[in-house]
Amino acid sequence: MRTVACIVQEGFAPFEFGVACEAFGLDRAAQGVPSFDFRAVAADPGEIRSKLGFSLVVEEDLAFADEADLIVVAATPHEYWDEQDPRILDVIRRAVDRGAWVLSVCSGAFTLANAGVLDGRRATTHWMYTDEMARRHPTIDVNPDVLYVQDDRIITSAGTAAGIDACLHLLRQEIGADLTNVIARRMVVSPQRDGGQAQFIDHPLPDHVSDSLTPVADWALDNLHRELTVDDLAGRAHMSPRTFARRFKGDFGVTPAAWLARQRVIHAQRLLERTDWGVDRIAADCGFGSAAVLRQNFTRILGLTPKAYRDRFCCVDDMTQGDVVTAA
């Protein structure tokens, strides 16, 4: 992936547009991150008015989007959903047909739906609009409870910050976990939120700081090689397993088992990139127990095998064999 086109439409949401700019538009070559040719495009270049009343001057037309490796569609207000430019819908259809990535942020999913590229696919959007999407487009399998959904090379995300998670998810597949973590650190966001997490959680902040489960989560990350159970984690939190599981899902938006599996896969990504270890050794260090269990979880979460991931992202030739290089 080298070229990224962000389609700007009348009434665009500035934050969601900014997510695409931040994820793909900044030059991070000094940190070793590949640069993308990022351009904002519009059906009719010129001043495009945002939903907040100010305008953005877009200089590029849609020609660049017809060649881009990734097309990003930012959110637009509901009053524009029925009157979207057919030229934009056509360029999205052509992008899907030629196998390019297509990513929508928040209500940008309605543009993809209007283009027909989500028919028969799984998708999501902001939880406030999922019922409306299902009503308007009954052939789409709308999931109202997740941060983002990938179906083939189409990614749809929920509202606002979930767009950041979706962009980082795509980047992990294109440039690897280590470099994506560099981008996440620059953005000062977590690189680890899984798409299956809930769009909103019961307790975004713990009721009492002393009851925070963050120390338990941090301990688990340092001990992924162990055979961790909910009982183990609950014991460290001084809670019953049932109370711990309920509080954990309330604080993190996902079950302890799902969270552990995701963290173990992320650790496996780093080891596949930065070591020459065999899959059995990586599986043991990640707490999966066997190569078969690692492959099953890795493929389920990332959509490709550990071998395929290593073939794409391994940089072990740049280091002493057997050494582990951790992210700064």
C-alpha atoms as a PDB file:
ATOM      1  CA  MET A   1       0.000   0.000   0.000  1.00  0.00           C
ATOM      2  CA  ARG A   2       1.580   3.264  -1.178  1.00  0.00           C
ATOM      3  CA  THR A   3      -1.245   5.617  -2.203  1.00  0.00           C
ATOM      4  CA  VAL A   4      -4.230   6.772  -0.122  1.00  0.00           C
ATOM      5  CA  ALA A   5      -7.180   8.866  -1.289  1.00  0.00           C
ATOM      6  CA  CYS A   6      -9.582  10.346   1.267  1.00  0.00           C
ATOM      7  CA  ILE A   7     -12.888  11.283  -0.326  1.00  0.00           C
ATOM      8  CA  VAL A   8     -14.249  14.565   1.021  1.00  0.00           C
ATOM      9  CA  GLN A   9     -17.976  15.165   0.589  1.00  0.00           C
ATOM     10  CA  GLU A  10     -20.227  18.116   1.408  1.00  0.00           C
ATOM     11  CA  GLY A  11     -20.999  18.161   5.128  1.00  0.00           C
ATOM     12  CA  PHE A  12     -17.928  16.068   6.017  1.00  0.00           C
ATOM     13  CA  ALA A  13     -17.064  15.498   9.691  1.00  0.00           C
ATOM     14  CA  PRO A  14     -13.737  17.220  10.507  1.00  0.00           C
ATOM     15  CA  PHE A  15     -12.595  14.780  13.188  1.00  0.00           C
ATOM     16  CA  GLU A  16     -13.165  11.704  11.059  1.00  0.00           C
ATOM     17  CA  PHE A  17     -11.398  13.397   8.141  1.00  0.00           C
ATOM     18  CA  GLY A  18      -8.565  14.217  10.533  1.00  0.00           C
ATOM     19  CA  VAL A  19      -8.293  10.545  11.531  1.00  0.00           C
ATOM     20  CA  ALA A  20      -7.381   9.636   7.945  1.00  0.00           C
ATOM     21  CA  CYS A  21      -4.913  12.541   7.739  1.00  0.00           C
ATOM     22  CA  GLU A  22      -3.239  11.516  10.998  1.00  0.00           C
ATOM     23  CA  ALA A  23      -3.042   7.805  10.199  1.00  0.00           C
ATOM     24  CA  PHE A  24      -1.897   8.021   6.583  1.00  0.00           C
ATOM     25  CA  GLY A  25      -0.934  11.607   5.790  1.00  0.00           C
ATOM     26  CA  LEU A  26       1.913  12.446   8.168  1.00  0.00           C
ATOM     27  CA  ASP A  27       5.561  11.870   7.254  1.00  0.00           C
ATOM     28  CA  ARG A  28       7.032   9.497   9.833  1.00  0.00           C
ATOM     29  CA  ALA A  29      10.064   8.442   7.789  1.00  0.00           C
ATOM     30  CA  ALA A  30      12.376   9.584  10.600  1.00  0.00           C
ATOM     31  CA  GLN A  31      10.858   6.821  12.744  1.00  0.00           C
ATOM     32  CA  GLY A  32      11.274   4.221   9.990  1.00  0.00           C
ATOM     33  CA  VAL A  33       7.619   4.246   8.937  1.00  0.00           C
ATOM     34  CA  PRO A  34       6.986   4.173   5.171  1.00  0.00           C
ATOM     35  CA  SER A  35       5.361   7.318   3.819  1.00  0.00           C
ATOM     36  CA  PHE A  36       2.125   7.233   1.861  1.00  0.00           C
ATOM     37  CA  ASP A  37       1.125   9.463  -1.021  1.00  0.00           C
ATOM     38  CA  PHE A  38      -1.963  10.813   0.752  1.00  0.00           C
ATOM     39  CA  ARG A  39      -4.393  13.141  -0.982  1.00  0.00           C
ATOM     40  CA  ALA A  40      -7.819  14.556  -0.218  1.00  0.00           C
ATOM     41  CA  VAL A  41     -10.068  14.249  -3.273  1.00  0.00           C
ATOM     42  CA  ALA A  42     -13.543  15.433  -4.214  1.00  0.00           C
ATOM     43  CA  ALA A  43     -15.981  14.966  -7.054  1.00  0.00           C
ATOM     44  CA  ASP A  44     -15.787  18.711  -7.700  1.00  0.00           C
ATOM     45  CA  PRO A  45     -12.531  20.217  -6.374  1.00  0.00           C
ATOM     46  CA  GLY A  46     -12.783  23.514  -4.558  1.00  0.00           C
ATOM     47  CA  GLU A  47     -14.338  24.558  -1.262  1.00  0.00           C
ATOM     48  CA  ILE A  48     -16.120  21.701   0.506  1.00  0.00           C
ATOM     49  CA  ARG A  49     -18.185  22.806   3.488  1.00  0.00           C
ATOM     50  CA  SER A  50     -17.906  20.798   6.719  1.00  0.00           C
ATOM     51  CA  LYS A  51     -20.828  20.067   9.030  1.00  0.00           C
ATOM     52  CA  LEU A  52     -19.381  22.624  11.464  1.00  0.00           C
ATOM     53  CA  GLY A  53     -19.699  25.508   9.055  1.00  0.00           C
ATOM     54  CA  PHE A  54     -16.131  25.992   7.853  1.00  0.00           C
ATOM     55  CA  SER A  55     -14.803  24.871   4.484  1.00  0.00           C
ATOM     56  CA  LEU A  56     -11.841  22.845   3.241  1.00  0.00           C
ATOM     57  CA  VAL A  57     -10.243  23.596  -0.113  1.00  0.00           C
ATOM     58  CA  VAL A  58      -9.733  20.285  -1.955  1.00  0.00           C
ATOM     59  CA  GLU A  59      -7.508  20.502  -5.019  1.00  0.00           C
ATOM     60  CA  GLU A  60      -7.680  16.929  -6.366  1.00  0.00           C
ATOM     61  CA  ASP A  61     -10.528  15.357  -8.305  1.00  0.00           C
ATOM     62  CA  LEU A  62     -11.450  11.663  -8.195  1.00  0.00           C
ATOM     63  CA  ALA A  63      -8.868  10.592 -10.791  1.00  0.00           C
ATOM     64  CA  PHE A  64      -6.297   9.868  -8.051  1.00  0.00           C
ATOM     65  CA  ALA A  65      -8.858   7.730  -6.188  1.00  0.00           C
ATOM     66  CA  ASP A  66      -9.213   5.527  -9.255  1.00  0.00           C
ATOM     67  CA  GLU A  67      -5.577   4.492  -8.836  1.00  0.00           C
ATOM     68  CA  ALA A  68      -5.160   4.612  -5.047  1.00  0.00           C
ATOM     69  CA  ASP A  69      -4.333   1.509  -3.017  1.00  0.00           C
ATOM     70  CA  LEU A  70      -6.679   2.672  -0.257  1.00  0.00           C
ATOM     71  CA  ILE A  71      -9.805   4.820  -0.362  1.00  0.00           C
ATOM     72  CA  VAL A  72     -10.996   6.332   2.932  1.00  0.00           C
ATOM     73  CA  VAL A  73     -14.544   7.658   3.264  1.00  0.00           C
ATOM     74  CA  ALA A  74     -15.127   9.961   6.231  1.00  0.00           C
ATOM     75  CA  ALA A  75     -18.426  10.520   8.003  1.00  0.00           C
ATOM     76  CA  THR A  76     -21.212  12.645   6.540  1.00  0.00           C
ATOM     77  CA  PRO A  77     -24.445  13.850   8.230  1.00  0.00           C
ATOM     78  CA  HIS A  78     -27.631  11.882   7.669  1.00  0.00           C
ATOM     79  CA  GLU A  79     -29.200  14.633   5.548  1.00  0.00           C
ATOM     80  CA  TYR A  80     -26.668  13.834   2.807  1.00  0.00           C
ATOM     81  CA  TRP A  81     -27.171  10.061   2.713  1.00  0.00           C
ATOM     82  CA  ASP A  82     -29.905  10.154   0.088  1.00  0.00           C
ATOM     83  CA  GLU A  83     -28.134  12.567  -2.250  1.00  0.00           C
ATOM     84  CA  GLN A  84     -24.605  11.277  -2.717  1.00  0.00           C
ATOM     85  CA  ASP A  85     -22.713  12.004  -5.904  1.00  0.00           C
ATOM     86  CA  PRO A  86     -22.928   9.025  -8.294  1.00  0.00           C
ATOM     87  CA  ARG A  87     -19.331   9.700  -9.358  1.00  0.00           C
ATOM     88  CA  ILE A  88     -18.184   8.934  -5.811  1.00  0.00           C
ATOM     89  CA  LEU A  89     -20.258   5.762  -5.683  1.00  0.00           C
ATOM     90  CA  ASP A  90     -18.786   4.652  -9.011  1.00  0.00           C
ATOM     91  CA  VAL A  91     -15.188   5.186  -7.892  1.00  0.00           C
ATOM     92  CA  ILE A  92     -15.855   3.108  -4.768  1.00  0.00           C
ATOM     93  CA  ARG A  93     -17.343   0.287  -6.847  1.00  0.00           C
ATOM     94  CA  ARG A  94     -14.328   0.326  -9.149  1.00  0.00           C
ATOM     95  CA  ALA A  95     -11.962   0.281  -6.177  1.00  0.00           C
ATOM     96  CA  VAL A  96     -13.602  -2.851  -4.780  1.00  0.00           C
ATOM     97  CA  ASP A  97     -13.627  -4.498  -8.203  1.00  0.00           C
ATOM     98  CA  ARG A  98      -9.875  -3.940  -8.656  1.00  0.00           C
ATOM     99  CA  GLY A  99      -9.049  -5.200  -5.152  1.00  0.00           C
ATOM    100  CA  ALA A 100      -8.083  -1.924  -3.491  1.00  0.00           C
ATOM    101  CA  TRP A 101      -8.626  -1.348   0.224  1.00  0.00           C
ATOM    102  CA  VAL A 102     -11.751   0.654   1.135  1.00  0.00           C
ATOM    103  CA  LEU A 103     -12.231   1.995   4.664  1.00  0.00           C
ATOM    104  CA  SER A 104     -15.101   4.026   6.082  1.00  0.00           C
ATOM    105  CA  VAL A 105     -15.165   5.968   9.332  1.00  0.00           C
ATOM    106  CA  CYS A 106     -18.429   6.243  11.265  1.00  0.00           C
ATOM    107  CA  SER A 107     -21.364   7.132   8.990  1.00  0.00           C
ATOM    108  CA  GLY A 108     -19.105   6.990   5.947  1.00  0.00           C
ATOM    109  CA  ALA A 109     -20.360   3.397   5.825  1.00  0.00           C
ATOM    110  CA  PHE A 110     -23.602   4.743   4.306  1.00  0.00           C
ATOM    111  CA  THR A 111     -21.628   5.883   1.261  1.00  0.00           C
ATOM    112  CA  LEU A 112     -20.275   2.360   0.871  1.00  0.00           C
ATOM    113  CA  ALA A 113     -23.759   0.956   1.378  1.00  0.00           C
ATOM    114  CA  ASN A 114     -25.202   3.295  -1.241  1.00  0.00           C
ATOM    115  CA  ALA A 115     -22.503   2.117  -3.642  1.00  0.00           C
ATOM    116  CA  GLY A 116     -23.718  -1.451  -3.106  1.00  0.00           C
ATOM    117  CA  VAL A 117     -20.296  -2.780  -2.085  1.00  0.00           C
ATOM    118  CA  LEU A 118     -21.544  -3.895   1.349  1.00  0.00           C
ATOM    119  CA  ASP A 119     -24.381  -6.066   0.009  1.00  0.00           C
ATOM    120  CA  GLY A 120     -24.053  -9.556   1.457  1.00  0.00           C
ATOM    121  CA  ARG A 121     -21.169  -8.464   3.698  1.00  0.00           C
ATOM    122  CA  ARG A 122     -20.665  -7.806   7.398  1.00  0.00           C
ATOM    123  CA  ALA A 123     -20.346  -4.138   8.346  1.00  0.00           C
ATOM    124  CA  THR A 124     -20.773  -1.647  11.155  1.00  0.00           C
ATOM    125  CA  THR A 125     -21.229   2.073  11.742  1.00  0.00           C
ATOM    126  CA  HIS A 126     -21.871   4.302  14.747  1.00  0.00           C
ATOM    127  CA  TRP A 127     -24.261   2.584  17.148  1.00  0.00           C
ATOM    128  CA  MET A 128     -26.748   5.468  16.748  1.00  0.00           C
ATOM    129  CA  TYR A 129     -27.112   4.608  13.048  1.00  0.00           C
ATOM    130  CA  THR A 130     -26.923   0.804  12.917  1.00  0.00           C
ATOM    131  CA  ASP A 131     -30.705   0.336  13.014  1.00  0.00           C
ATOM    132  CA  GLU A 132     -31.086   2.876  10.220  1.00  0.00           C
ATOM    133  CA  MET A 133     -28.467   1.106   8.121  1.00  0.00           C
ATOM    134  CA  ALA A 134     -30.163  -2.253   8.626  1.00  0.00           C
ATOM    135  CA  ARG A 135     -33.515  -0.713   7.668  1.00  0.00           C
ATOM    136  CA  ARG A 136     -32.191   0.993   4.545  1.00  0.00           C
ATOM    137  CA  HIS A 137     -29.972  -1.892   3.457  1.00  0.00           C
ATOM    138  CA  PRO A 138     -31.442  -5.230   4.601  1.00  0.00           C
ATOM    139  CA  THR A 139     -28.879  -7.242   2.611  1.00  0.00           C
ATOM    140  CA  ILE A 140     -26.044  -5.969   4.839  1.00  0.00           C
ATOM    141  CA  ASP A 141     -25.187  -7.948   7.982  1.00  0.00           C
ATOM    142  CA  VAL A 142     -24.950  -4.955  10.335  1.00  0.00           C
ATOM    143  CA  ASN A 143     -23.171  -5.520  13.653  1.00  0.00           C
ATOM    144  CA  PRO A 144     -23.991  -2.755  16.155  1.00  0.00           C
ATOM    145  CA  ASP A 145     -21.676  -3.955  18.912  1.00  0.00           C
ATOM    146  CA  VAL A 146     -18.158  -3.787  17.476  1.00  0.00           C
ATOM    147  CA  LEU A 147     -15.508  -1.122  16.863  1.00  0.00           C
ATOM    148  CA  TYR A 148     -14.806  -2.144  13.285  1.00  0.00           C
ATOM    149  CA  VAL A 149     -15.441  -4.970  10.828  1.00  0.00           C
ATOM    150  CA  GLN A 150     -13.218  -6.247   8.048  1.00  0.00           C
ATOM    151  CA  ASP A 151     -14.869  -8.199   5.255  1.00  0.00           C
ATOM    152  CA  ASP A 152     -12.307  -9.064   2.590  1.00  0.00           C
ATOM    153  CA  ARG A 153     -10.604  -5.718   1.808  1.00  0.00           C
ATOM    154  CA  ILE A 154     -13.470  -3.524   3.033  1.00  0.00           C
ATOM    155  CA  ILE A 155     -13.266  -2.118   6.566  1.00  0.00           C
ATOM    156  CA  THR A 156     -16.130  -0.261   8.221  1.00  0.00           C
ATOM    157  CA  SER A 157     -15.767   1.364  11.631  1.00  0.00           C
ATOM    158  CA  ALA A 158     -17.934   2.764  14.362  1.00  0.00           C
ATOM    159  CA  GLY A 159     -17.930   6.354  15.550  1.00  0.00           C
ATOM    160  CA  THR A 160     -15.036   8.757  16.076  1.00  0.00           C
ATOM    161  CA  ALA A 161     -12.126   7.024  17.853  1.00  0.00           C
ATOM    162  CA  ALA A 162     -13.093   3.629  16.418  1.00  0.00           C
ATOM    163  CA  GLY A 163     -11.898   5.010  13.089  1.00  0.00           C
ATOM    164  CA  ILE A 164      -8.401   5.232  14.588  1.00  0.00           C
ATOM    165  CA  ASP A 165      -8.641   1.581  15.646  1.00  0.00           C
ATOM    166  CA  ALA A 166      -9.728   0.585  12.132  1.00  0.00           C
ATOM    167  CA  CYS A 167      -6.829   2.484  10.542  1.00  0.00           C
ATOM    168  CA  LEU A 168      -4.320   0.851  12.901  1.00  0.00           C
ATOM    169  CA  HIS A 169      -5.875  -2.555  12.161  1.00  0.00           C
ATOM    170  CA  LEU A 170      -5.312  -2.019   8.441  1.00  0.00           C
ATOM    171  CA  LEU A 171      -1.772  -0.713   8.997  1.00  0.00           C
ATOM    172  CA  ARG A 172      -0.853  -3.803  11.024  1.00  0.00           C
ATOM    173  CA  GLN A 173      -1.658  -5.869   7.936  1.00  0.00           C
ATOM    174  CA  GLU A 174       0.269  -3.611   5.579  1.00  0.00           C
ATOM    175  CA  ILE A 175       3.377  -2.512   7.507  1.00  0.00           C
ATOM    176  CA  GLY A 176       3.458  -4.874  10.501  1.00  0.00           C
ATOM    177  CA  ALA A 177       2.891  -4.586  14.240  1.00  0.00           C
ATOM    178  CA  ASP A 178       6.136  -2.834  15.213  1.00  0.00           C
ATOM    179  CA  LEU A 179       5.787   0.067  12.789  1.00  0.00           C
ATOM    180  CA  THR A 180       2.074   0.376  13.525  1.00  0.00           C
ATOM    181  CA  ASN A 181       2.945   0.699  17.202  1.00  0.00           C
ATOM    182  CA  VAL A 182       5.265   3.569  16.264  1.00  0.00           C
ATOM    183  CA  ILE A 183       2.314   5.340  14.636  1.00  0.00           C
ATOM    184  CA  ALA A 184       0.068   4.593  17.627  1.00  0.00           C
ATOM    185  CA  ARG A 185       2.638   6.038  20.028  1.00  0.00           C
ATOM    186  CA  ARG A 186       2.885   9.201  17.919  1.00  0.00           C
ATOM    187  CA  MET A 187      -0.915   9.460  18.030  1.00  0.00           C
ATOM    188  CA  VAL A 188      -0.854   8.715  21.797  1.00  0.00           C
ATOM    189  CA  VAL A 189      -3.442   5.952  21.462  1.00  0.00           C
ATOM    190  CA  SER A 190      -3.502   2.279  22.295  1.00  0.00           C
ATOM    191  CA  PRO A 191      -2.391   0.069  19.382  1.00  0.00           C
ATOM    192  CA  GLN A 192      -4.224  -2.924  20.837  1.00  0.00           C
ATOM    193  CA  ARG A 193      -7.985  -2.363  20.750  1.00  0.00           C
ATOM    194  CA  ASP A 194      -9.540  -5.285  18.937  1.00  0.00           C
ATOM    195  CA  GLY A 195     -12.435  -4.844  16.534  1.00  0.00           C
ATOM    196  CA  GLY A 196     -14.604  -7.178  18.588  1.00  0.00           C
ATOM    197  CA  GLN A 197     -14.687  -4.820  21.550  1.00  0.00           C
ATOM    198  CA  ALA A 198     -17.971  -3.147  22.338  1.00  0.00           C
ATOM    199  CA  GLN A 199     -18.660   0.283  20.822  1.00  0.00           C
ATOM    200  CA  PHE A 200     -19.384   1.634  24.272  1.00  0.00           C
ATOM    201  CA  ILE A 201     -18.501   0.107  27.634  1.00  0.00           C
ATOM    202  CA  ASP A 202     -20.213   0.177  30.986  1.00  0.00           C
ATOM    203  CA  HIS A 203     -17.400   1.927  32.847  1.00  0.00           C
ATOM    204  CA  PRO A 204     -15.100   3.964  30.554  1.00  0.00           C
ATOM    205  CA  LEU A 205     -13.252   4.940  33.745  1.00  0.00           C
ATOM    206  CA  PRO A 206     -13.268   2.810  36.902  1.00  0.00           C
ATOM    207  CA  ASP A 207     -15.511   4.105  39.683  1.00  0.00           C
ATOM    208  CA  HIS A 208     -12.555   4.182  42.058  1.00  0.00           C
ATOM    209  CA  VAL A 209      -8.927   4.421  41.017  1.00  0.00           C
ATOM    210  CA  SER A 210      -7.965   1.881  43.678  1.00  0.00           C
ATOM    211  CA  ASP A 211     -10.261  -0.650  42.011  1.00  0.00           C
ATOM    212  CA  SER A 212      -8.717  -0.194  38.562  1.00  0.00           C
ATOM    213  CA  LEU A 213      -7.945  -3.407  36.737  1.00  0.00           C
ATOM    214  CA  THR A 214      -5.074  -1.785  34.845  1.00  0.00           C
ATOM    215  CA  PRO A 215      -2.379  -3.213  37.185  1.00  0.00           C
ATOM    216  CA  VAL A 216      -3.792  -6.705  36.645  1.00  0.00           C
ATOM    217  CA  ALA A 217      -3.824  -6.201  32.878  1.00  0.00           C
ATOM    218  CA  ASP A 218      -0.245  -4.902  32.988  1.00  0.00           C
ATOM    219  CA  TRP A 219       0.821  -7.950  35.002  1.00  0.00           C
ATOM    220  CA  ALA A 220      -0.882 -10.245  32.488  1.00  0.00           C
ATOM    221  CA  LEU A 221       1.003  -8.573  29.615  1.00  0.00           C
ATOM    222  CA  ASP A 222       4.279  -9.279  31.428  1.00  0.00           C
ATOM    223  CA  ASN A 223       3.286 -12.910  31.978  1.00  0.00           C
ATOM    224  CA  LEU A 224       1.687 -13.975  28.717  1.00  0.00           C
ATOM    225  CA  HIS A 225       3.918 -17.073  28.677  1.00  0.00           C
ATOM    226  CA  ARG A 226       1.984 -18.443  31.659  1.00  0.00           C
ATOM    227  CA  GLU A 227      -1.218 -20.446  31.474  1.00  0.00           C
ATOM    228  CA  LEU A 228      -3.380 -17.614  32.741  1.00  0.00           C
ATOM    229  CA  THR A 229      -6.960 -18.213  33.797  1.00  0.00           C
ATOM    230  CA  VAL A 230      -9.772 -15.942  34.909  1.00  0.00           C
ATOM    231  CA  ASP A 231      -9.288 -17.367  38.411  1.00  0.00           C
ATOM    232  CA  ASP A 232      -5.624 -16.315  38.348  1.00  0.00           C
ATOM    233  CA  LEU A 233      -6.426 -12.781  37.272  1.00  0.00           C
ATOM    234  CA  ALA A 234      -9.356 -12.515  39.667  1.00  0.00           C
ATOM    235  CA  GLY A 235      -7.109 -13.576  42.524  1.00  0.00           C
ATOM    236  CA  ARG A 236      -4.638 -10.801  41.744  1.00  0.00           C
ATOM    237  CA  ALA A 237      -7.532  -8.338  41.657  1.00  0.00           C
ATOM    238  CA  HIS A 238      -8.855  -9.720  44.968  1.00  0.00           C
ATOM    239  CA  MET A 239     -12.229 -10.446  43.418  1.00  0.00           C
ATOM    240  CA  SER A 240     -14.341 -13.497  42.798  1.00  0.00           C
ATOM    241  CA  PRO A 241     -14.013 -14.846  39.223  1.00  0.00           C
ATOM    242  CA  ARG A 242     -17.592 -13.830  38.413  1.00  0.00           C
ATOM    243  CA  THR A 243     -17.154 -10.268  39.726  1.00  0.00           C
ATOM    244  CA  PHE A 244     -13.804  -9.949  37.979  1.00  0.00           C
ATOM    245  CA  ALA A 245     -15.172 -11.112  34.614  1.00  0.00           C
ATOM    246  CA  ARG A 246     -18.072  -8.659  34.878  1.00  0.00           C
ATOM    247  CA  ARG A 247     -15.831  -5.744  35.912  1.00  0.00           C
ATOM    248  CA  PHE A 248     -13.227  -6.589  33.265  1.00  0.00           C
ATOM    249  CA  LYS A 249     -15.777  -6.557  30.462  1.00  0.00           C
ATOM    250  CA  GLY A 250     -17.222  -3.344  31.844  1.00  0.00           C
ATOM    251  CA  ASP A 251     -13.801  -1.645  31.905  1.00  0.00           C
ATOM    252  CA  PHE A 252     -12.263  -3.130  28.752  1.00  0.00           C
ATOM    253  CA  GLY A 253     -15.341  -3.873  26.646  1.00  0.00           C
ATOM    254  CA  VAL A 254     -14.352  -7.489  26.038  1.00  0.00           C
ATOM    255  CA  THR A 255     -14.105 -10.729  28.043  1.00  0.00           C
ATOM    256  CA  PRO A 256     -10.815 -11.590  29.785  1.00  0.00           C
ATOM    257  CA  ALA A 257     -10.340 -14.630  27.512  1.00  0.00           C
ATOM    258  CA  ALA A 258     -10.835 -12.618  24.310  1.00  0.00           C
ATOM    259  CA  TRP A 259      -8.523  -9.872  25.575  1.00  0.00           C
ATOM    260  CA  LEU A 260      -5.796 -12.386  26.461  1.00  0.00           C
ATOM    261  CA  ALA A 261      -6.034 -14.077  23.075  1.00  0.00           C
ATOM    262  CA  ARG A 262      -5.650 -10.720  21.318  1.00  0.00           C
ATOM    263  CA  GLN A 263      -2.644  -9.690  23.434  1.00  0.00           C
ATOM    264  CA  ARG A 264      -0.991 -13.030  22.772  1.00  0.00           C
ATOM    265  CA  VAL A 265      -1.453 -12.625  19.031  1.00  0.00           C
ATOM    266  CA  ILE A 266       0.034  -9.114  19.192  1.00  0.00           C
ATOM    267  CA  HIS A 267       3.043 -10.514  21.066  1.00  0.00           C
ATOM    268  CA  ALA A 268       3.347 -13.258  18.443  1.00  0.00           C
ATOM    269  CA  GLN A 269       3.329 -10.600  15.711  1.00  0.00           C
ATOM    270  CA  ARG A 270       6.308  -8.880  17.326  1.00  0.00           C
ATOM    271  CA  LEU A 271       8.238 -12.138  17.707  1.00  0.00           C
ATOM    272  CA  LEU A 272       7.534 -13.158  14.102  1.00  0.00           C
ATOM    273  CA  GLU A 273       8.818  -9.783  12.939  1.00  0.00           C
ATOM    274  CA  ARG A 274      11.839  -9.423  15.217  1.00  0.00           C
ATOM    275  CA  THR A 275      13.208 -12.927  15.904  1.00  0.00           C
ATOM    276  CA  ASP A 276      14.154 -16.082  14.036  1.00  0.00           C
ATOM    277  CA  TRP A 277      12.367 -18.265  16.584  1.00  0.00           C
ATOM    278  CA  GLY A 278      10.391 -21.263  15.405  1.00  0.00           C
ATOM    279  CA  VAL A 279       6.618 -21.299  15.730  1.00  0.00           C
ATOM    280  CA  ASP A 280       6.736 -23.763  18.649  1.00  0.00           C
ATOM    281  CA  ARG A 281       8.974 -21.461  20.662  1.00  0.00           C
ATOM    282  CA  ILE A 282       6.843 -18.424  19.833  1.00  0.00           C
ATOM    283  CA  ALA A 283       3.687 -20.302  20.827  1.00  0.00           C
ATOM    284  CA  ALA A 284       5.234 -21.142  24.198  1.00  0.00           C
ATOM    285  CA  ASP A 285       6.427 -17.581  24.819  1.00  0.00           C
ATOM    286  CA  CYS A 286       2.962 -16.230  23.981  1.00  0.00           C
ATOM    287  CA  GLY A 287       1.161 -18.704  26.219  1.00  0.00           C
ATOM    288  CA  PHE A 288      -0.631 -20.569  23.444  1.00  0.00           C
ATOM    289  CA  GLY A 289       0.954 -23.875  24.467  1.00  0.00           C
ATOM    290  CA  SER A 290       1.305 -25.322  20.974  1.00  0.00           C
ATOM    291  CA  ALA A 291       1.952 -24.194  17.424  1.00  0.00           C
ATOM    292  CA  ALA A 292      -1.475 -25.475  16.387  1.00  0.00           C
ATOM    293  CA  VAL A 293      -3.267 -23.274  18.925  1.00  0.00           C
ATOM    294  CA  LEU A 294      -1.135 -20.284  17.879  1.00  0.00           C
ATOM    295  CA  ARG A 295      -1.978 -20.816  14.207  1.00  0.00           C
ATOM    296  CA  GLN A 296      -5.685 -21.152  14.977  1.00  0.00           C
ATOM    297  CA  ASN A 297      -5.872 -17.914  16.978  1.00  0.00           C
ATOM    298  CA  PHE A 298      -3.490 -16.001  14.723  1.00  0.00           C
ATOM    299  CA  THR A 299      -5.427 -16.881  11.585  1.00  0.00           C
ATOM    300  CA  ARG A 300      -8.797 -16.211  13.214  1.00  0.00           C
ATOM    301  CA  ILE A 301      -7.800 -12.725  14.393  1.00  0.00           C
ATOM    302  CA  LEU A 302      -5.540 -11.533  11.553  1.00  0.00           C
ATOM    303  CA  GLY A 303      -6.770 -13.543   8.606  1.00  0.00           C
ATOM    304  CA  LEU A 304      -3.372 -14.975   7.665  1.00  0.00           C
ATOM    305  CA  THR A 305      -1.057 -17.666   9.006  1.00  0.00           C
ATOM    306  CA  PRO A 306       2.031 -16.980  11.155  1.00  0.00           C
ATOM    307  CA  LYS A 307       4.235 -18.096   8.235  1.00  0.00           C
ATOM    308  CA  ALA A 308       2.546 -15.717   5.821  1.00  0.00           C
ATOM    309  CA  TYR A 309       2.884 -12.913   8.338  1.00  0.00           C
ATOM    310  CA  ARG A 310       6.593 -13.603   8.866  1.00  0.00           C
ATOM    311  CA  ASP A 311       7.235 -13.801   5.121  1.00  0.00           C
ATOM    312  CA  ARG A 312       5.718 -10.328   4.765  1.00  0.00           C
ATOM    313  CA  PHE A 313       7.153  -8.525   7.789  1.00  0.00           C
ATOM    314  CA  CYS A 314      10.177 -10.352   9.181  1.00  0.00           C
ATOM    315  CA  CYS A 315      13.275  -8.171   9.503  1.00  0.00           C
ATOM    316  CA  VAL A 316      15.473 -10.719  11.288  1.00  0.00           C
ATOM    317  CA  ASP A 317      18.301 -10.183   8.789  1.00  0.00           C
ATOM    318  CA  ASP A 318      18.898  -6.786  10.393  1.00  0.00           C
ATOM    319  CA  MET A 319      19.769  -8.268  13.780  1.00  0.00           C
ATOM    320  CA  THR A 320      21.717 -11.008  15.511  1.00  0.00           C
ATOM    321  CA  GLN A 321      19.886 -14.288  15.189  1.00  0.00           C
ATOM    322  CA  GLY A 322      17.961 -15.232  18.289  1.00  0.00           C
ATOM    323  CA  ASP A 323      17.875 -11.701  19.701  1.00  0.00           C
ATOM    324  CA  VAL A 324      14.572 -10.060  20.453  1.00  0.00           C
ATOM    325  CA  VAL A 325      14.181  -6.393  19.610  1.00  0.00           C
ATOM    326  CA  THR A 326      11.349  -4.752  21.545  1.00  0.00           C
ATOM    327  CA  ALA A 327       9.571  -1.583  20.597  1.00  0.00           C
ATOM    328  CA  ALA A 328      10.945   1.556  22.194  1.00  0.00           C
END
